[in-house]
Amino acid sequence: MSGEDRRIATLDGARQRRSADKRAAVEDAMLRLRDSRQAVTFVSVAREAKVSRQYLYNNFADAIGEERAETRAETTIIDGMKVPLRTPEEHRHIEAALRNKVDRLETGLKEARAERLKAERTAERERGKAEYWRRLYTAVLARLSEQ
């Protein structure tokens, strides 16, 4: 083998190793994202695997596309609201669900305060009636003791 052929073989071997390393990094990144229940998107995989998005589009478009479709189908129920399980915008869904819950709790608190105020007024009115009847009773007892 001539010197130039050896050089070509060495460069070809290096390219193949680099390509295999990139593939392994992408597959590992997809597994880590899936295991940590994060969204598997071109951006997240590229960031995690430290490869370009173009590399992913050229070599993993189908795999990531399938993963994204499966991810979008997964949902969970948060406070009675169906929410996509793993999406890049998941925090917005959760925030909306929490805002709805806060609104319901504030409404319940207003109602509870109104009921408490009504109960306090009723109790005050009943205390006034009780005081009126106590005075009458005391007055009657005083008259009877005078006789």
C-alpha atoms as a PDB file:
ATOM      1  CA  MET A   1       0.000   0.000   0.000  1.00  0.00           C
ATOM      2  CA  SER A   2       1.398   3.355  -0.964  1.00  0.00           C
ATOM      3  CA  GLY A   3       1.747   6.295   1.412  1.00  0.00           C
ATOM      4  CA  GLU A   4      -1.201   8.098  -0.129  1.00  0.00           C
ATOM      5  CA  ASP A   5      -3.438   5.016   0.162  1.00  0.00           C
ATOM      6  CA  ARG A   6      -2.510   4.664   3.847  1.00  0.00           C
ATOM      7  CA  ARG A   7      -3.284   8.308   4.414  1.00  0.00           C
ATOM      8  CA  ILE A   8      -6.693   7.951   2.727  1.00  0.00           C
ATOM      9  CA  ALA A   9      -7.434   4.808   4.771  1.00  0.00           C
ATOM     10  CA  THR A  10      -6.443   6.619   7.995  1.00  0.00           C
ATOM     11  CA  LEU A  11      -8.646   9.618   7.181  1.00  0.00           C
ATOM     12  CA  ASP A  12     -11.521   7.316   6.202  1.00  0.00           C
ATOM     13  CA  GLY A  13     -11.164   5.429   9.484  1.00  0.00           C
ATOM     14  CA  ALA A  14     -11.152   8.684  11.458  1.00  0.00           C
ATOM     15  CA  ARG A  15     -14.268   9.890   9.641  1.00  0.00           C
ATOM     16  CA  GLN A  16     -16.054   6.619  10.370  1.00  0.00           C
ATOM     17  CA  ARG A  17     -15.114   6.787  14.075  1.00  0.00           C
ATOM     18  CA  ARG A  18     -16.272  10.414  14.271  1.00  0.00           C
ATOM     19  CA  SER A  19     -19.535   9.473  12.565  1.00  0.00           C
ATOM     20  CA  ALA A  20     -20.055   6.508  14.925  1.00  0.00           C
ATOM     21  CA  ASP A  21     -19.315   8.739  17.929  1.00  0.00           C
ATOM     22  CA  LYS A  22     -21.880  11.303  16.740  1.00  0.00           C
ATOM     23  CA  ARG A  23     -24.510   8.589  16.204  1.00  0.00           C
ATOM     24  CA  ALA A  24     -23.855   7.163  19.666  1.00  0.00           C
ATOM     25  CA  ALA A  25     -24.049  10.653  21.208  1.00  0.00           C
ATOM     26  CA  VAL A  26     -27.406  11.306  19.524  1.00  0.00           C
ATOM     27  CA  GLU A  27     -28.850   7.949  20.589  1.00  0.00           C
ATOM     28  CA  ASP A  28     -27.631   8.477  24.159  1.00  0.00           C
ATOM     29  CA  ALA A  29     -29.070  11.993  24.187  1.00  0.00           C
ATOM     30  CA  MET A  30     -32.459  10.713  23.042  1.00  0.00           C
ATOM     31  CA  LEU A  31     -32.431   8.056  25.773  1.00  0.00           C
ATOM     32  CA  ARG A  32     -31.451  10.574  28.470  1.00  0.00           C
ATOM     33  CA  LEU A  33     -34.157  12.995  27.377  1.00  0.00           C
ATOM     34  CA  ARG A  34     -36.759  10.228  27.290  1.00  0.00           C
ATOM     35  CA  ASP A  35     -35.690   8.878  30.697  1.00  0.00           C
ATOM     36  CA  SER A  36     -35.789  12.332  32.278  1.00  0.00           C
ATOM     37  CA  ARG A  37     -39.240  12.869  30.713  1.00  0.00           C
ATOM     38  CA  GLN A  38     -38.101  15.896  28.720  1.00  0.00           C
ATOM     39  CA  ALA A  39     -39.261  16.750  25.229  1.00  0.00           C
ATOM     40  CA  VAL A  40     -37.349  14.998  22.467  1.00  0.00           C
ATOM     41  CA  THR A  41     -37.061  17.669  19.791  1.00  0.00           C
ATOM     42  CA  PHE A  42     -34.396  18.517  17.247  1.00  0.00           C
ATOM     43  CA  VAL A  43     -33.257  21.433  19.392  1.00  0.00           C
ATOM     44  CA  SER A  44     -33.098  19.477  22.653  1.00  0.00           C
ATOM     45  CA  VAL A  45     -31.309  16.489  21.074  1.00  0.00           C
ATOM     46  CA  ALA A  46     -28.827  18.761  19.264  1.00  0.00           C
ATOM     47  CA  ARG A  47     -28.072  20.599  22.498  1.00  0.00           C
ATOM     48  CA  GLU A  48     -27.751  17.390  24.530  1.00  0.00           C
ATOM     49  CA  ALA A  49     -25.628  15.516  21.949  1.00  0.00           C
ATOM     50  CA  LYS A  50     -23.598  18.603  20.966  1.00  0.00           C
ATOM     51  CA  VAL A  51     -24.313  18.151  17.258  1.00  0.00           C
ATOM     52  CA  SER A  52     -25.907  20.448  14.711  1.00  0.00           C
ATOM     53  CA  ARG A  53     -29.615  20.358  13.963  1.00  0.00           C
ATOM     54  CA  GLN A  54     -28.751  19.913  10.306  1.00  0.00           C
ATOM     55  CA  TYR A  55     -26.931  16.671  11.199  1.00  0.00           C
ATOM     56  CA  LEU A  56     -30.069  15.494  12.961  1.00  0.00           C
ATOM     57  CA  TYR A  57     -32.326  16.468  10.056  1.00  0.00           C
ATOM     58  CA  ASN A  58     -30.034  14.609   7.656  1.00  0.00           C
ATOM     59  CA  ASN A  59     -29.585  11.452   9.743  1.00  0.00           C
ATOM     60  CA  PHE A  60     -32.284  11.178  12.428  1.00  0.00           C
ATOM     61  CA  ALA A  61     -35.329  12.968  11.037  1.00  0.00           C
ATOM     62  CA  ASP A  62     -37.546   9.863  11.135  1.00  0.00           C
ATOM     63  CA  ALA A  63     -36.465   8.722  14.611  1.00  0.00           C
ATOM     64  CA  ILE A  64     -36.922  12.140  16.186  1.00  0.00           C
ATOM     65  CA  GLY A  65     -40.166  12.681  14.265  1.00  0.00           C
ATOM     66  CA  GLU A  66     -41.590   9.424  15.641  1.00  0.00           C
ATOM     67  CA  GLU A  67     -40.458  10.294  19.149  1.00  0.00           C
ATOM     68  CA  ARG A  68     -42.094  13.727  18.894  1.00  0.00           C
ATOM     69  CA  ALA A  69     -45.360  12.139  17.706  1.00  0.00           C
ATOM     70  CA  GLU A  70     -45.331   9.697  20.627  1.00  0.00           C
ATOM     71  CA  THR A  71     -44.487  12.501  23.041  1.00  0.00           C
ATOM     72  CA  ARG A  72     -47.368  14.643  21.853  1.00  0.00           C
ATOM     73  CA  ALA A  73     -49.777  11.757  22.355  1.00  0.00           C
ATOM     74  CA  GLU A  74     -48.794  11.356  26.018  1.00  0.00           C
ATOM     75  CA  THR A  75     -50.916  13.391  28.417  1.00  0.00           C
ATOM     76  CA  THR A  76     -51.510  13.678  32.107  1.00  0.00           C
ATOM     77  CA  ILE A  77     -54.312  15.177  34.174  1.00  0.00           C
ATOM     78  CA  ILE A  78     -53.305  18.154  36.327  1.00  0.00           C
ATOM     79  CA  ASP A  79     -56.079  19.471  38.523  1.00  0.00           C
ATOM     80  CA  GLY A  80     -58.750  18.118  36.198  1.00  0.00           C
ATOM     81  CA  MET A  81     -57.091  19.552  33.092  1.00  0.00           C
ATOM     82  CA  LYS A  82     -55.593  17.331  30.379  1.00  0.00           C
ATOM     83  CA  VAL A  83     -52.004  18.488  29.794  1.00  0.00           C
ATOM     84  CA  PRO A  84     -49.403  17.210  27.310  1.00  0.00           C
ATOM     85  CA  LEU A  85     -46.873  15.229  29.314  1.00  0.00           C
ATOM     86  CA  ARG A  86     -43.596  16.246  27.673  1.00  0.00           C
ATOM     87  CA  THR A  87     -43.479  19.323  25.504  1.00  0.00           C
ATOM     88  CA  PRO A  88     -41.172  22.303  25.297  1.00  0.00           C
ATOM     89  CA  GLU A  89     -44.133  24.433  26.396  1.00  0.00           C
ATOM     90  CA  GLU A  90     -45.169  22.134  29.245  1.00  0.00           C
ATOM     91  CA  HIS A  91     -44.480  24.847  31.806  1.00  0.00           C
ATOM     92  CA  ARG A  92     -47.139  27.038  30.165  1.00  0.00           C
ATOM     93  CA  HIS A  93     -49.762  24.305  30.461  1.00  0.00           C
ATOM     94  CA  ILE A  94     -48.876  23.707  34.073  1.00  0.00           C
ATOM     95  CA  GLU A  95     -48.896  27.447  34.767  1.00  0.00           C
ATOM     96  CA  ALA A  96     -52.369  27.745  33.206  1.00  0.00           C
ATOM     97  CA  ALA A  97     -53.638  24.844  35.310  1.00  0.00           C
ATOM     98  CA  LEU A  98     -52.199  26.413  38.455  1.00  0.00           C
ATOM     99  CA  ARG A  99     -53.671  29.821  37.600  1.00  0.00           C
ATOM    100  CA  ASN A 100     -57.082  28.192  37.178  1.00  0.00           C
ATOM    101  CA  LYS A 101     -56.676  26.473  40.536  1.00  0.00           C
ATOM    102  CA  VAL A 102     -55.668  29.751  42.208  1.00  0.00           C
ATOM    103  CA  ASP A 103     -58.722  31.477  40.681  1.00  0.00           C
ATOM    104  CA  ARG A 104     -61.009  28.726  41.998  1.00  0.00           C
ATOM    105  CA  LEU A 105     -59.394  28.907  45.447  1.00  0.00           C
ATOM    106  CA  GLU A 106     -59.745  32.697  45.544  1.00  0.00           C
ATOM    107  CA  THR A 107     -63.416  32.385  44.594  1.00  0.00           C
ATOM    108  CA  GLY A 108     -63.892  29.784  47.329  1.00  0.00           C
ATOM    109  CA  LEU A 109     -62.122  32.053  49.816  1.00  0.00           C
ATOM    110  CA  LYS A 110     -64.432  34.978  48.927  1.00  0.00           C
ATOM    111  CA  GLU A 111     -67.450  32.733  49.430  1.00  0.00           C
ATOM    112  CA  ALA A 112     -66.110  31.449  52.760  1.00  0.00           C
ATOM    113  CA  ARG A 113     -65.453  35.008  53.955  1.00  0.00           C
ATOM    114  CA  ALA A 114     -68.963  36.060  52.977  1.00  0.00           C
ATOM    115  CA  GLU A 115     -70.429  33.083  54.849  1.00  0.00           C
ATOM    116  CA  ARG A 116     -68.279  33.883  57.917  1.00  0.00           C
ATOM    117  CA  LEU A 117     -69.451  37.510  57.871  1.00  0.00           C
ATOM    118  CA  LYS A 118     -73.080  36.372  57.602  1.00  0.00           C
ATOM    119  CA  ALA A 119     -72.555  33.929  60.495  1.00  0.00           C
ATOM    120  CA  GLU A 120     -70.921  36.660  62.614  1.00  0.00           C
ATOM    121  CA  ARG A 121     -73.863  38.991  61.975  1.00  0.00           C
ATOM    122  CA  THR A 122     -76.334  36.255  62.853  1.00  0.00           C
ATOM    123  CA  ALA A 123     -74.384  35.440  66.039  1.00  0.00           C
ATOM    124  CA  GLU A 124     -74.303  39.123  67.026  1.00  0.00           C
ATOM    125  CA  ARG A 125     -78.035  39.412  66.442  1.00  0.00           C
ATOM    126  CA  GLU A 126     -78.657  36.301  68.549  1.00  0.00           C
ATOM    127  CA  ARG A 127     -76.378  37.628  71.317  1.00  0.00           C
ATOM    128  CA  GLY A 128     -78.426  40.823  71.307  1.00  0.00           C
ATOM    129  CA  LYS A 129     -81.653  38.820  71.642  1.00  0.00           C
ATOM    130  CA  ALA A 130     -80.129  36.757  74.435  1.00  0.00           C
ATOM    131  CA  GLU A 131     -79.044  39.919  76.246  1.00  0.00           C
ATOM    132  CA  TYR A 132     -82.567  41.371  75.847  1.00  0.00           C
ATOM    133  CA  TRP A 133     -84.145  38.234  77.342  1.00  0.00           C
ATOM    134  CA  ARG A 134     -81.533  38.116  80.152  1.00  0.00           C
ATOM    135  CA  ARG A 135     -82.427  41.688  81.128  1.00  0.00           C
ATOM    136  CA  LEU A 136     -86.120  40.870  81.108  1.00  0.00           C
ATOM    137  CA  TYR A 137     -85.491  37.763  83.225  1.00  0.00           C
ATOM    138  CA  THR A 138     -83.312  39.758  85.643  1.00  0.00           C
ATOM    139  CA  ALA A 139     -85.976  42.449  85.887  1.00  0.00           C
ATOM    140  CA  VAL A 140     -88.685  39.859  86.607  1.00  0.00           C
ATOM    141  CA  LEU A 141     -86.526  38.188  89.261  1.00  0.00           C
ATOM    142  CA  ALA A 142     -85.890  41.595  90.866  1.00  0.00           C
ATOM    143  CA  ARG A 143     -89.639  42.337  90.999  1.00  0.00           C
ATOM    144  CA  LEU A 144     -90.409  38.932  92.429  1.00  0.00           C
ATOM    145  CA  SER A 145     -87.759  39.295  95.101  1.00  0.00           C
ATOM    146  CA  GLU A 146     -89.212  42.714  96.059  1.00  0.00           C
ATOM    147  CA  GLN A 147     -92.599  41.200  96.726  1.00  0.00           C
END
